[in-house]
Amino acid sequence: MGKLIKGLKITPNRFPKYLKWLKTLPCMCCGTKDDITAAHLAVSNFGRKGDDSSCVPLCGVCHSLQEYHKNKFKEFTVVSLPTLKDADFYYQLYKQRNPQ
């Protein structure tokens, strides 16, 4: 869990090495290796990005589709959208390959 600030607000955990590693993987939706971003799936307090452990590797196109469908058409999806279960898979894989 993140750090407590001013008693109630919680700042999300940030893992820069994990995000860098995610960007070396292919897009989990289409498989391309071009323009990979670490897409946050969870939302923290006040609509901010959630913990970095909630990220999955997506190319720019699939990331845009994910944002579009999540925000505009929740009941209609053309692509298989990533879930927090997918994010947990990548985070656990990273931890196995990079023990601290």
Foldseek 3Di string as FASTA:
>chain_A
DADDDPNPFGDAAEDVVLQVVQLCAAAPFPRHSPQWGFAADDAGPPRHGHHSLQTHIHHPVVSVLLVCCVPPPVPDHPTDHDDSVRSNVSSVVVCVVDPD
